[in-house]
């Protein structure tokens, strides 16, 4: 009887751990010590990996996928995802205004992938404000490209489609 109870409690504990691990993060306003909104507020089911985006770019018609870089103009000018558009630094009010203007006339069903890549994901000042604004505007096919370290290491160095103006 005792081993049966222990087995039941173990199963319950394991179920809870698995459930918590798989549960998407709830959208919340989280800030880190530097004061910017954390990328961790973006639910896990809204993230896309570089591999997934690369595959998507090969299989989804170009007019059906909008890729927006929401970081610095300097970074965009050095290198960016092939077909991406610059949408302004989302950590700044003028960047959010530029992004809002870019998507104003789009149907809320438009597939949009946001990315920055200026720094490690946990310190990016741009991705969360951009995601939050578009989410609040009602875009339903919105994803954020998860760039763990930076754009150079996680996209360019891996050989994904990149534009590098000379």
Foldseek 3Di string as FASTA:
>chain_A
DVVVVVVVVVVVVVVVVVCVVPDWAAQDFDADPVGAGAPSNDTPVQADELVRVLVCVVPPPLVQEAEEAQCDPVVVQQKDAVSYDYQYNQLDPVSLVSNCVVCVPPDLARAYEYEYFPAARGPRRGDVSNQVVNVVVRRDNHHYYHDGGGCCVRPVVVPGHMDGDD
